[in-house]
Amino acid sequence: MGKPRKVFVSVLGTGFYEVCRYEGLKPTRFIQQATLEWLKAEEWTENDRILIFTTEASKKQNWNFNGKRAKFNGMPEVEYVGLKCVLDNMNLAAKVEAVDIPEGKNEQEMWDVFGRIYDKLENNDLLYFDLTHAFRYLPMLVLVLGQYARHLKKVTIKSVTYGNYEARGGNSDVAPIADLMPLVTLLDYTQAAADFGEYGRVSKLLFSFKGADFDNLAKQLKRFEQDVATCRGRELMNGKTVASAKKSLAAIMASDKAIKPVKELLRSVQKKLEPFEEGKRFQNLRGVVKWCEDYAMVQQAFTLCQEGLVTLACERIENPLTGDKERTAQRQLRDVVSAVLAVDKEVMTDESMWKRDLLLDKNLSRKLFAMDGIVRIRKNYNNLTGKRNTLNHAGFGDKVQGSDEIVKDLKGFTAKYFDAVVEELPKLLINLSNHPYATWSQNQRKEAEAYGRCEDLAFPQVCPDMEKEQLEKVVDRYEHLILEHVATAEVTVHIMGEMVFCFALIKRLQSRGIRCIASCSKRKVVQVDGNTRQSAFEFGGFREYFS
């Protein structure tokens, strides 16, 4: 594909144009000449185009005219050379073409003007619009046409200008050429707002802004959009991507880096991202399922909801399975949970009818059937499975459901398939440290209330000569003790002590979506006497472990 054309587009009016000198340019009657000089059109090639759109009247009075003309009747006539001759004398390599258009006095003629300008454009053109003369509605028409052509002919709007003849100051005959590209930018913001409102996408626009916060925000939102589109459940439930985006959003909103239209758009994005928080797996899963519901992402909604519910169920029970050559222990657990959720009531109550995954560990299957959360999920799970299967099998299965039925089920989706089956668990703070809750300061206890009721778990004795295998067994035991609470509470673990033990256990707990925090302290030194100083530590807040 060759180099794209540069195309200058201007409409010629019928008025008598006074000689004017635009900033830094030689005097001329025609803004078209001044703008082409300003654009350095002398460097353009024979591949480029200068399109002057003329009505019958403007063609006669300002294009082909060459003689004497008076501004008004009764005024003296002056030498007046038309634009055709002026452009010919510029000796430009680009081809100059006058294109006939109607006067645009009614809707039909307006559409005719639109069509004639559009038909002169080719794919990938670089457009330079002059909006100075002709019909009063022309600036709006050209801006809309430019946006239209950007989508259908992949043109690029490089310049939009206006020769502001009326802005001459005092006795000066110098007028500015106004840059109207911000109007095109505003159209981009408008399109971005529409895309976000309709489809939840905004990252493409943000890549056009400069600055570290904008760069990070655009990258993180693009990653989030891709994660939702491709159902990346682990990443979405973790919430790290959205947390990073929210941090950049907050920095931009608190600064003067964005103009008001952009801030209004980002404020909508900010509000939509409010439910997401790093490490809040249940909250993030619900948030992304609601996102899919709001933006009619049908397949993603059903897939993320079903797989997310299975994941939450797996995280609330200790896995007794050991895996085999074909499946890991975690894969086996997911299959057992899926089987427990899918079988009908008759099979659930008659163990002689159990097959395959239900038989991997009967005690596990019995325990799962008895869990209150599983009971609630089972009520709607098969309907969820049916919808997901018909989507994933593209309607080629035996039980075919129409698109209207599937889309209709998306309304109120989160409440029906999610909120109704997943209980809001009470919060529990497990204090795994050498400082029992009873010894905490009043301030520390007050702040700990945000994590729920506090329960002490004695920190183990970790000897310096303990072998790795011995320490792993201690980590296993404490992981088991903590997981016993996960089925009945939203657990946060306050963990501080021997560093290797803490590091190993924190990694395991975080992989299961369990938040781990530490206490921060402020050291205060008090001078007791001339030679003695006493140090005291004051609680300074909780901080979550991160990687």
Protein backbone atom coordinates (compact mmCIF):
# COMPACT_ATOMS: atom_id res chain seq x y z
CA MET A 1 0.00 0.00 0.00
CA GLY A 2 1.36 3.41 -1.02
CA LYS A 3 1.77 6.49 1.08
CA PRO A 4 -1.63 7.92 2.14
CA ARG A 5 -2.85 11.07 0.40
CA LYS A 6 -2.94 14.45 2.06
CA VAL A 7 -6.32 15.98 1.26
CA PHE A 8 -7.26 19.61 1.90
CA VAL A 9 -11.03 20.18 2.12
CA SER A 10 -12.59 23.64 2.02
CA VAL A 11 -15.93 25.15 0.97
CA LEU A 12 -15.84 28.44 -0.93
CA GLY A 13 -18.42 31.10 -0.09
CA THR A 14 -19.99 33.89 -2.16
CA GLY A 15 -18.92 36.95 -0.12
CA PHE A 16 -16.55 39.71 -1.10
CA TYR A 17 -13.34 38.87 0.73
CA GLU A 18 -11.14 41.73 1.92
CA VAL A 19 -7.41 41.41 1.75
CA CYS A 20 -6.15 40.09 5.08
CA ARG A 21 -2.79 39.02 6.46
CA TYR A 22 -2.95 35.93 8.60
CA GLU A 23 -0.28 35.45 11.25
CA GLY A 24 3.17 35.00 9.70
CA LEU A 25 1.79 34.80 6.14
CA LYS A 26 1.57 37.15 3.18
CA PRO A 27 -1.65 39.12 2.51
CA THR A 28 -4.45 37.37 0.61
CA ARG A 29 -8.19 37.56 0.04
CA PHE A 30 -8.64 33.83 0.47
CA ILE A 31 -8.20 31.85 3.65
CA GLN A 32 -7.60 28.77 1.49
CA GLN A 33 -4.33 30.25 0.21
CA ALA A 34 -3.23 31.28 3.70
CA THR A 35 -4.11 27.88 5.23
CA LEU A 36 -2.27 25.96 2.50
CA GLU A 37 0.81 28.10 3.13
CA TRP A 38 0.40 27.49 6.89
CA LEU A 39 0.20 23.72 6.19
CA LYS A 40 3.34 23.93 3.99
CA ALA A 41 1.41 22.56 1.02
CA GLU A 42 4.35 23.46 -1.21
CA GLU A 43 5.94 20.26 0.13
CA TRP A 44 2.97 18.11 -0.91
CA THR A 45 3.19 15.78 -3.90
CA GLU A 46 1.16 15.08 -7.03
CA ASN A 47 -0.50 12.24 -5.09
CA ASP A 48 -2.11 14.77 -2.73
CA ARG A 49 -5.35 16.69 -3.35
CA ILE A 50 -6.77 20.17 -2.76
CA LEU A 51 -10.56 19.97 -2.92
CA ILE A 52 -12.52 23.23 -3.09
CA PHE A 53 -16.28 22.68 -2.89
CA THR A 54 -18.27 25.36 -4.70
CA THR A 55 -21.93 26.20 -5.25
CA GLU A 56 -23.02 27.65 -8.58
CA ALA A 57 -22.91 31.16 -7.10
CA SER A 58 -19.53 30.83 -5.33
CA LYS A 59 -17.99 29.29 -8.42
CA LYS A 60 -19.03 32.32 -10.44
CA GLN A 61 -18.14 35.00 -7.86
CA ASN A 62 -15.04 33.64 -6.12
CA TRP A 63 -13.59 30.76 -8.15
CA ASN A 64 -13.55 31.72 -11.81
CA PHE A 65 -13.92 35.51 -11.37
CA ASN A 66 -11.11 37.66 -12.75
CA GLY A 67 -11.80 41.38 -13.09
CA LYS A 68 -13.19 44.28 -11.10
CA ARG A 69 -15.71 43.88 -8.32
CA ALA A 70 -17.37 46.12 -5.71
CA LYS A 71 -17.99 45.00 -2.15
CA PHE A 72 -21.48 46.57 -2.17
CA ASN A 73 -23.55 48.34 -4.81
CA GLY A 74 -22.48 51.96 -5.17
CA MET A 75 -18.98 51.33 -3.80
CA PRO A 76 -15.87 51.66 -5.96
CA GLU A 77 -14.78 48.57 -7.85
CA VAL A 78 -11.37 47.02 -7.22
CA GLU A 79 -9.25 44.39 -8.94
CA TYR A 80 -10.47 41.00 -7.80
CA VAL A 81 -8.78 37.73 -8.79
CA GLY A 82 -10.64 34.45 -8.05
CA LEU A 83 -9.30 31.57 -6.00
CA LYS A 84 -8.65 29.34 -9.04
CA CYS A 85 -6.09 31.78 -10.40
CA VAL A 86 -4.59 32.33 -6.93
CA LEU A 87 -4.04 28.59 -6.39
CA ASP A 88 -2.67 28.16 -9.94
CA ASN A 89 -0.10 30.85 -9.18
CA MET A 90 1.04 28.93 -6.08
CA ASN A 91 2.41 26.23 -8.46
CA LEU A 92 1.59 23.41 -6.07
CA ALA A 93 2.37 19.82 -7.02
CA ALA A 94 -0.89 18.62 -5.46
CA LYS A 95 -3.85 18.45 -7.84
CA VAL A 96 -6.43 21.22 -7.30
CA GLU A 97 -10.06 20.34 -7.99
CA ALA A 98 -13.27 22.36 -7.75
CA VAL A 99 -16.22 20.13 -6.83
CA ASP A 100 -19.81 21.28 -7.44
CA ILE A 101 -22.25 21.10 -4.52
CA PRO A 102 -25.82 22.38 -4.00
CA GLU A 103 -26.52 25.33 -1.72
CA GLY A 104 -27.75 23.11 1.10
CA LYS A 105 -31.05 24.90 1.59
CA ASN A 106 -32.94 21.80 2.76
CA GLU A 107 -32.31 18.36 4.24
CA GLN A 108 -31.97 16.64 0.87
CA GLU A 109 -29.37 19.14 -0.29
CA MET A 110 -27.49 18.82 3.02
CA TRP A 111 -27.24 15.05 2.52
CA ASP A 112 -26.12 15.73 -1.06
CA VAL A 113 -23.29 17.96 0.23
CA PHE A 114 -22.34 15.24 2.72
CA GLY A 115 -22.26 12.58 0.01
CA ARG A 116 -20.22 14.59 -2.48
CA ILE A 117 -17.53 15.41 0.08
CA TYR A 118 -17.47 11.83 1.38
CA ASP A 119 -17.23 10.34 -2.14
CA LYS A 120 -14.09 12.36 -2.81
CA LEU A 121 -12.29 10.72 0.11
CA GLU A 122 -10.28 7.52 -0.21
CA ASN A 123 -9.24 4.92 2.36
CA ASN A 124 -6.50 6.07 4.73
CA ASP A 125 -6.53 9.72 3.56
CA LEU A 126 -4.97 12.36 5.83
CA LEU A 127 -7.57 15.12 6.05
CA TYR A 128 -7.02 18.87 6.51
CA PHE A 129 -10.32 20.72 6.97
CA ASP A 130 -10.83 24.46 6.60
CA LEU A 131 -14.16 25.55 8.17
CA THR A 132 -13.98 29.28 7.51
CA HIS A 133 -16.60 29.94 4.84
CA ALA A 134 -19.93 28.82 3.39
CA PHE A 135 -23.00 27.39 5.16
CA ARG A 136 -23.45 28.04 8.88
CA TYR A 137 -24.08 24.34 9.54
CA LEU A 138 -20.93 23.33 7.67
CA PRO A 139 -18.57 23.02 10.70
CA MET A 140 -20.93 20.52 12.33
CA LEU A 141 -21.42 18.65 9.06
CA VAL A 142 -17.68 18.41 8.40
CA LEU A 143 -16.91 17.23 11.93
CA VAL A 144 -19.58 14.54 11.74
CA LEU A 145 -18.44 13.57 8.23
CA GLY A 146 -14.85 13.32 9.43
CA GLN A 147 -15.84 11.00 12.29
CA TYR A 148 -17.95 8.94 9.87
CA ALA A 149 -15.05 8.61 7.43
CA ARG A 150 -12.65 7.70 10.24
CA HIS A 151 -14.71 4.59 10.91
CA LEU A 152 -15.61 3.58 7.34
CA LYS A 153 -12.61 4.75 5.32
CA LYS A 154 -10.00 4.75 8.11
CA VAL A 155 -9.06 8.35 7.37
CA THR A 156 -7.07 10.43 9.83
CA ILE A 157 -8.06 14.00 10.64
CA LYS A 158 -4.77 15.88 10.80
CA SER A 159 -6.02 19.45 10.96
CA VAL A 160 -9.20 21.47 11.44
CA THR A 161 -8.76 25.25 11.13
CA TYR A 162 -10.75 28.47 11.00
CA GLY A 163 -9.53 31.80 9.62
CA ASN A 164 -10.74 34.21 12.30
CA TYR A 165 -10.90 37.41 10.22
CA GLU A 166 -13.04 39.15 12.86
CA ALA A 167 -10.34 38.70 15.53
CA ARG A 168 -8.05 41.40 14.11
CA GLY A 169 -7.09 43.79 16.89
CA GLY A 170 -7.24 47.61 16.77
CA ASN A 171 -5.76 48.99 13.56
CA SER A 172 -4.00 45.72 12.75
CA ASP A 173 -4.98 43.76 9.67
CA VAL A 174 -3.42 40.56 11.08
CA ALA A 175 -5.85 37.73 11.88
CA PRO A 176 -5.20 34.35 13.53
CA ILE A 177 -5.79 30.92 12.06
CA ALA A 178 -7.55 29.07 14.85
CA ASP A 179 -6.80 25.40 15.51
CA LEU A 180 -10.11 23.56 16.02
CA MET A 181 -8.63 20.09 16.57
CA PRO A 182 -9.91 20.10 20.19
CA LEU A 183 -13.40 19.69 18.67
CA VAL A 184 -12.24 16.44 17.06
CA THR A 185 -10.77 15.39 20.39
CA LEU A 186 -14.11 16.12 22.03
CA LEU A 187 -15.75 13.80 19.50
CA ASP A 188 -13.27 11.14 20.57
CA TYR A 189 -14.28 11.66 24.20
CA THR A 190 -17.93 11.44 23.20
CA GLN A 191 -17.31 8.18 21.35
CA ALA A 192 -15.33 6.84 24.31
CA ALA A 193 -18.16 7.73 26.69
CA ALA A 194 -20.62 5.92 24.40
CA ASP A 195 -18.34 2.87 24.15
CA PHE A 196 -17.96 2.71 27.92
CA GLY A 197 -21.67 3.13 28.54
CA GLU A 198 -22.57 0.47 25.98
CA TYR A 199 -19.65 -1.97 26.03
CA GLY A 200 -17.49 -1.14 29.09
CA ARG A 201 -14.45 -0.23 26.97
CA VAL A 202 -12.37 2.91 27.39
CA SER A 203 -8.69 1.88 27.27
CA LYS A 204 -8.19 2.75 23.59
CA LEU A 205 -8.80 6.46 24.21
CA LEU A 206 -6.48 6.57 27.22
CA PHE A 207 -3.45 5.46 25.18
CA SER A 208 -3.58 8.87 23.43
CA PHE A 209 -2.68 10.70 26.67
CA LYS A 210 0.82 11.26 27.95
CA GLY A 211 2.07 10.57 31.47
CA ALA A 212 2.87 7.59 33.68
CA ASP A 213 -0.56 7.50 35.34
CA PHE A 214 -2.38 7.53 32.00
CA ASP A 215 -0.01 4.88 30.58
CA ASN A 216 -0.58 2.57 33.53
CA LEU A 217 -4.34 3.20 33.57
CA ALA A 218 -4.66 2.43 29.86
CA LYS A 219 -2.56 -0.76 30.15
CA GLN A 220 -4.40 -2.03 33.24
CA LEU A 221 -7.87 -1.31 31.82
CA LYS A 222 -6.93 -3.00 28.56
CA ARG A 223 -5.72 -6.03 30.56
CA PHE A 224 -8.97 -6.01 32.57
CA GLU A 225 -11.07 -5.80 29.37
CA GLN A 226 -9.11 -8.73 27.90
CA ASP A 227 -9.38 -10.75 31.12
CA VAL A 228 -13.17 -10.33 31.10
CA ALA A 229 -13.47 -11.10 27.38
CA THR A 230 -11.37 -14.27 27.77
CA CYS A 231 -12.77 -15.30 31.18
CA ARG A 232 -9.48 -15.18 33.11
CA GLY A 233 -11.09 -16.04 36.44
CA ARG A 234 -7.98 -16.23 38.64
CA GLU A 235 -6.77 -12.78 37.60
CA LEU A 236 -10.23 -11.25 37.93
CA MET A 237 -10.87 -12.72 41.37
CA ASN A 238 -7.43 -11.61 42.55
CA GLY A 239 -8.25 -8.00 41.64
CA LYS A 240 -4.64 -6.82 41.31
CA THR A 241 -5.15 -5.37 37.82
CA VAL A 242 -8.15 -3.27 38.81
CA ALA A 243 -6.42 -2.17 42.03
CA SER A 244 -3.53 -0.80 39.98
CA ALA A 245 -5.95 0.93 37.59
CA LYS A 246 -7.86 2.49 40.50
CA LYS A 247 -4.62 3.84 41.96
CA SER A 248 -3.75 5.60 38.68
CA LEU A 249 -7.33 6.82 38.33
CA ALA A 250 -7.22 8.41 41.77
CA ALA A 251 -3.93 10.16 40.95
CA ILE A 252 -5.33 11.57 37.68
CA MET A 253 -8.57 12.73 39.29
CA ALA A 254 -6.65 14.51 42.07
CA SER A 255 -4.44 16.36 39.56
CA ASP A 256 -4.90 18.81 36.70
CA LYS A 257 -3.64 16.31 34.12
CA ALA A 258 -7.04 15.84 32.47
CA ILE A 259 -9.56 18.38 31.18
CA LYS A 260 -13.15 18.35 32.40
CA PRO A 261 -14.66 16.13 29.61
CA VAL A 262 -12.01 13.49 30.29
CA LYS A 263 -12.51 13.69 34.05
CA GLU A 264 -16.25 13.23 33.66
CA LEU A 265 -15.62 10.09 31.60
CA LEU A 266 -13.06 8.81 34.11
CA ARG A 267 -15.46 9.54 36.97
CA SER A 268 -17.90 7.08 35.38
CA VAL A 269 -15.12 4.50 35.06
CA GLN A 270 -14.09 5.11 38.67
CA LYS A 271 -17.63 4.50 39.92
CA LYS A 272 -17.93 1.30 37.89
CA LEU A 273 -14.69 -0.06 39.38
CA GLU A 274 -15.67 0.67 42.99
CA PRO A 275 -16.74 -2.92 43.84
CA PHE A 276 -13.31 -4.34 42.97
CA GLU A 277 -10.59 -4.62 45.62
CA GLU A 278 -7.35 -6.59 45.59
CA GLY A 279 -7.64 -9.88 47.45
CA LYS A 280 -11.43 -9.71 47.90
CA ARG A 281 -12.17 -12.77 45.82
CA PHE A 282 -15.90 -13.12 46.52
CA GLN A 283 -16.43 -9.39 46.05
CA ASN A 284 -14.41 -9.32 42.81
CA LEU A 285 -16.19 -12.35 41.37
CA ARG A 286 -19.55 -10.76 42.05
CA GLY A 287 -18.28 -7.49 40.56
CA VAL A 288 -17.12 -9.04 37.30
CA VAL A 289 -20.30 -11.10 36.91
CA LYS A 290 -22.32 -7.89 37.38
CA TRP A 291 -20.04 -6.19 34.84
CA CYS A 292 -20.86 -8.91 32.30
CA GLU A 293 -24.57 -8.57 33.08
CA ASP A 294 -24.51 -4.79 32.63
CA TYR A 295 -22.65 -4.97 29.31
CA ALA A 296 -24.55 -7.95 27.86
CA MET A 297 -21.46 -10.18 27.82
CA VAL A 298 -23.62 -13.28 27.82
CA GLN A 299 -21.11 -16.09 27.44
CA GLN A 300 -18.64 -14.53 29.86
CA ALA A 301 -21.40 -14.04 32.46
CA PHE A 302 -22.45 -17.69 32.47
CA THR A 303 -18.89 -19.06 32.33
CA LEU A 304 -17.42 -16.83 35.04
CA CYS A 305 -20.43 -17.32 37.30
CA GLN A 306 -20.41 -21.12 37.08
CA GLU A 307 -16.65 -21.59 37.34
CA GLY A 308 -16.42 -18.91 40.02
CA LEU A 309 -19.01 -20.62 42.19
CA VAL A 310 -17.13 -23.93 41.88
CA THR A 311 -13.91 -22.14 42.83
CA LEU A 312 -15.47 -20.54 45.91
CA ALA A 313 -16.83 -23.91 47.03
CA CYS A 314 -13.37 -25.50 46.59
CA GLU A 315 -11.75 -22.76 48.66
CA ARG A 316 -14.10 -23.36 51.58
CA ILE A 317 -13.12 -26.96 52.17
CA GLU A 318 -9.83 -28.68 52.89
CA ASN A 319 -8.79 -30.95 50.05
CA PRO A 320 -8.18 -34.56 51.21
CA LEU A 321 -7.46 -35.82 47.68
CA THR A 322 -3.92 -36.62 46.55
CA GLY A 323 -4.20 -36.64 42.76
CA ASP A 324 -3.14 -39.29 40.27
CA LYS A 325 -1.35 -39.60 36.95
CA GLU A 326 -4.19 -37.93 35.06
CA ARG A 327 -5.35 -35.23 37.47
CA THR A 328 -3.84 -33.07 40.19
CA ALA A 329 -5.44 -33.04 43.62
CA GLN A 330 -6.92 -29.61 42.88
CA ARG A 331 -8.38 -30.81 39.58
CA GLN A 332 -9.92 -33.79 41.33
CA LEU A 333 -11.50 -31.53 43.94
CA ARG A 334 -13.05 -29.29 41.26
CA ASP A 335 -14.48 -32.35 39.53
CA VAL A 336 -15.96 -33.66 42.78
CA VAL A 337 -17.51 -30.26 43.59
CA SER A 338 -18.91 -30.01 40.06
CA ALA A 339 -20.40 -33.49 40.36
CA VAL A 340 -21.95 -32.68 43.75
CA LEU A 341 -23.50 -29.52 42.34
CA ALA A 342 -24.83 -31.17 39.17
CA VAL A 343 -26.44 -34.45 40.29
CA ASP A 344 -30.18 -34.52 40.97
CA LYS A 345 -31.69 -35.04 44.42
CA GLU A 346 -32.41 -38.74 43.83
CA VAL A 347 -28.75 -39.51 43.17
CA MET A 348 -27.63 -37.33 46.07
CA THR A 349 -29.66 -39.34 48.58
CA ASP A 350 -28.90 -42.81 47.12
CA GLU A 351 -25.19 -43.56 47.36
CA SER A 352 -25.64 -46.75 45.33
CA MET A 353 -26.22 -44.49 42.32
CA TRP A 354 -23.01 -42.54 42.81
CA LYS A 355 -20.48 -42.79 39.97
CA ARG A 356 -17.00 -41.63 39.04
CA ASP A 357 -16.01 -38.43 40.83
CA LEU A 358 -18.50 -38.86 43.68
CA LEU A 359 -16.71 -42.12 44.56
CA LEU A 360 -13.21 -40.58 44.75
CA ASP A 361 -13.79 -39.86 48.44
CA LYS A 362 -17.24 -40.66 49.78
CA ASN A 363 -16.67 -38.75 53.00
CA LEU A 364 -15.74 -35.65 50.99
CA SER A 365 -18.86 -36.02 48.83
CA ARG A 366 -21.07 -36.42 51.90
CA LYS A 367 -19.49 -33.38 53.53
CA LEU A 368 -20.03 -31.29 50.40
CA PHE A 369 -23.69 -32.33 50.06
CA ALA A 370 -24.25 -31.22 53.65
CA MET A 371 -22.64 -27.77 53.31
CA ASP A 372 -25.18 -24.97 53.49
CA GLY A 373 -23.54 -23.02 50.68
CA ILE A 374 -23.58 -26.07 48.38
CA VAL A 375 -27.28 -26.58 49.09
CA ARG A 376 -28.06 -23.06 47.93
CA ILE A 377 -25.84 -23.25 44.84
CA ARG A 378 -27.48 -26.54 43.77
CA LYS A 379 -30.89 -24.85 43.46
CA ASN A 380 -29.90 -22.97 40.30
CA TYR A 381 -26.75 -24.76 39.19
CA ASN A 382 -28.27 -27.06 36.57
CA ASN A 383 -30.12 -24.18 34.91
CA LEU A 384 -26.81 -22.30 34.84
CA THR A 385 -25.09 -25.35 33.33
CA GLY A 386 -27.76 -25.71 30.65
CA LYS A 387 -27.39 -22.12 29.52
CA ARG A 388 -23.61 -22.32 29.52
CA ASN A 389 -23.60 -25.58 27.53
CA THR A 390 -25.88 -24.25 24.84
CA LEU A 391 -23.58 -21.26 24.51
CA ASN A 392 -20.33 -23.21 24.44
CA HIS A 393 -21.72 -25.76 21.98
CA ALA A 394 -22.90 -22.91 19.74
CA GLY A 395 -26.49 -24.15 19.69
CA PHE A 396 -25.56 -27.44 17.99
CA GLY A 397 -26.55 -29.61 20.97
CA ASP A 398 -29.71 -31.64 21.45
CA LYS A 399 -31.49 -29.07 23.62
CA VAL A 400 -31.43 -25.89 21.59
CA GLN A 401 -32.40 -22.62 23.26
CA GLY A 402 -33.12 -19.47 21.30
CA SER A 403 -31.00 -16.37 21.71
CA ASP A 404 -33.97 -14.39 23.08
CA GLU A 405 -34.39 -16.87 25.93
CA ILE A 406 -30.69 -16.79 26.82
CA VAL A 407 -30.38 -13.00 26.68
CA LYS A 408 -33.59 -12.59 28.67
CA ASP A 409 -32.07 -14.69 31.47
CA LEU A 410 -29.22 -12.18 31.71
CA LYS A 411 -31.55 -9.58 33.24
CA GLY A 412 -31.13 -9.77 37.01
CA PHE A 413 -28.45 -12.39 36.41
CA THR A 414 -26.21 -11.51 39.36
CA ALA A 415 -29.06 -11.56 41.87
CA LYS A 416 -30.54 -14.78 40.50
CA TYR A 417 -27.42 -16.89 40.08
CA PHE A 418 -25.02 -15.26 42.47
CA ASP A 419 -26.36 -13.28 45.40
CA ALA A 420 -29.14 -15.79 45.98
CA VAL A 421 -26.77 -18.75 46.30
CA VAL A 422 -23.68 -17.32 47.97
CA GLU A 423 -23.99 -16.33 51.59
CA GLU A 424 -22.37 -13.20 52.99
CA LEU A 425 -20.10 -14.82 55.57
CA PRO A 426 -19.29 -13.20 58.93
CA LYS A 427 -15.80 -11.77 59.25
CA LEU A 428 -13.15 -13.45 61.39
CA LEU A 429 -9.66 -12.22 62.29
CA ILE A 430 -7.24 -15.00 63.29
CA ASN A 431 -4.37 -13.62 65.34
CA LEU A 432 -1.35 -15.84 64.65
CA SER A 433 1.41 -14.06 66.57
CA ASN A 434 3.20 -14.05 69.92
CA HIS A 435 0.99 -11.20 71.15
CA PRO A 436 -2.49 -12.39 72.25
CA TYR A 437 -5.46 -10.18 71.46
CA ALA A 438 -5.91 -9.46 75.19
CA THR A 439 -2.55 -7.63 75.24
CA TRP A 440 -3.36 -5.37 72.28
CA SER A 441 -3.78 -1.65 72.84
CA GLN A 442 -7.18 -0.03 72.64
CA ASN A 443 -6.29 1.59 69.32
CA GLN A 444 -5.20 -1.74 67.82
CA ARG A 445 -8.39 -3.45 68.99
CA LYS A 446 -10.49 -0.63 67.59
CA GLU A 447 -8.91 -0.87 64.16
CA ALA A 448 -9.11 -4.69 64.21
CA GLU A 449 -12.92 -4.45 64.39
CA ALA A 450 -12.94 -3.91 60.59
CA TYR A 451 -11.81 -7.54 60.19
CA GLY A 452 -14.49 -9.01 62.45
CA ARG A 453 -14.31 -11.02 65.66
CA CYS A 454 -10.72 -11.85 66.69
CA GLU A 455 -9.63 -15.35 67.64
CA ASP A 456 -6.10 -16.17 68.87
CA LEU A 457 -4.10 -19.01 67.33
CA ALA A 458 -0.91 -19.69 69.29
CA PHE A 459 2.26 -19.14 67.28
CA PRO A 460 4.31 -22.36 66.96
CA GLN A 461 7.76 -22.91 68.40
CA VAL A 462 10.11 -22.76 65.40
CA CYS A 463 13.57 -23.90 66.51
CA PRO A 464 16.68 -22.68 64.66
CA ASP A 465 17.81 -26.28 63.98
CA MET A 466 14.45 -27.39 62.52
CA GLU A 467 14.83 -29.14 59.13
CA LYS A 468 12.85 -27.98 56.11
CA GLU A 469 10.67 -31.11 56.15
CA GLN A 470 9.80 -30.55 59.82
CA LEU A 471 8.91 -26.91 59.19
CA GLU A 472 6.72 -27.88 56.22
CA LYS A 473 4.73 -30.18 58.51
CA VAL A 474 4.16 -27.27 60.90
CA VAL A 475 3.02 -25.10 57.99
CA ASP A 476 0.69 -27.92 56.85
CA ARG A 477 -0.86 -28.15 60.32
CA TYR A 478 -1.46 -24.41 60.63
CA GLU A 479 -2.86 -24.19 57.11
CA HIS A 480 -5.32 -26.95 58.10
CA LEU A 481 -6.28 -25.13 61.32
CA ILE A 482 -7.02 -21.91 59.42
CA LEU A 483 -8.91 -23.62 56.58
CA GLU A 484 -11.30 -25.13 59.09
CA HIS A 485 -12.77 -21.63 59.48
CA VAL A 486 -13.01 -20.76 55.78
CA ALA A 487 -16.30 -22.57 55.18
CA THR A 488 -18.07 -20.49 57.82
CA ALA A 489 -16.29 -17.11 57.81
CA GLU A 490 -14.51 -14.54 55.68
CA VAL A 491 -11.07 -15.04 57.19
CA THR A 492 -8.24 -12.56 57.60
CA VAL A 493 -5.02 -13.77 59.26
CA HIS A 494 -2.88 -11.43 61.36
CA ILE A 495 0.48 -13.20 61.11
CA MET A 496 3.80 -12.08 62.58
CA GLY A 497 6.73 -14.09 63.89
CA GLU A 498 9.52 -16.37 62.62
CA MET A 499 9.98 -15.14 59.05
CA VAL A 500 10.47 -18.37 57.08
CA PHE A 501 7.37 -19.95 58.63
CA CYS A 502 5.35 -16.78 58.01
CA PHE A 503 6.55 -16.51 54.41
CA ALA A 504 5.64 -20.13 53.60
CA LEU A 505 2.21 -19.98 55.25
CA ILE A 506 1.33 -16.57 53.79
CA LYS A 507 2.08 -17.84 50.27
CA ARG A 508 -0.28 -20.78 50.77
CA LEU A 509 -3.06 -18.70 52.31
CA GLN A 510 -2.87 -16.00 49.66
CA SER A 511 -3.08 -18.63 46.91
CA ARG A 512 -6.46 -19.55 48.42
CA GLY A 513 -7.60 -15.94 48.48
CA ILE A 514 -7.14 -15.49 52.25
CA ARG A 515 -6.02 -12.01 53.25
CA CYS A 516 -2.92 -11.80 55.49
CA ILE A 517 -1.99 -8.68 57.45
CA ALA A 518 0.71 -7.43 59.82
CA SER A 519 0.77 -4.77 62.53
CA CYS A 520 2.84 -1.65 61.97
CA SER A 521 4.33 0.29 64.88
CA LYS A 522 5.86 3.65 65.61
CA ARG A 523 8.96 3.79 67.82
CA LYS A 524 9.00 6.52 70.45
CA VAL A 525 12.13 7.31 72.46
CA VAL A 526 11.81 8.97 75.85
CA GLN A 527 14.80 10.49 77.70
CA VAL A 528 14.53 9.10 81.28
CA ASP A 529 17.60 10.91 82.69
CA GLY A 530 20.85 12.29 81.41
CA ASN A 531 22.29 8.88 80.43
CA THR A 532 19.22 6.72 79.91
CA ARG A 533 16.72 6.57 77.10
CA GLN A 534 13.66 4.34 76.98
CA SER A 535 12.01 3.08 73.77
CA ALA A 536 8.30 2.40 73.43
CA PHE A 537 6.37 1.07 70.43
CA GLU A 538 2.96 2.46 69.54
CA PHE A 539 0.49 0.75 67.18
CA GLY A 540 0.45 2.50 63.80
CA GLY A 541 -2.06 0.47 61.78
CA PHE A 542 -2.43 -2.80 59.86
CA ARG A 543 -0.77 -3.47 56.52
CA GLU A 544 -1.68 -6.24 54.08
CA TYR A 545 1.06 -8.53 52.77
CA PHE A 546 1.57 -8.26 49.02
CA SER A 547 3.91 -9.60 46.37
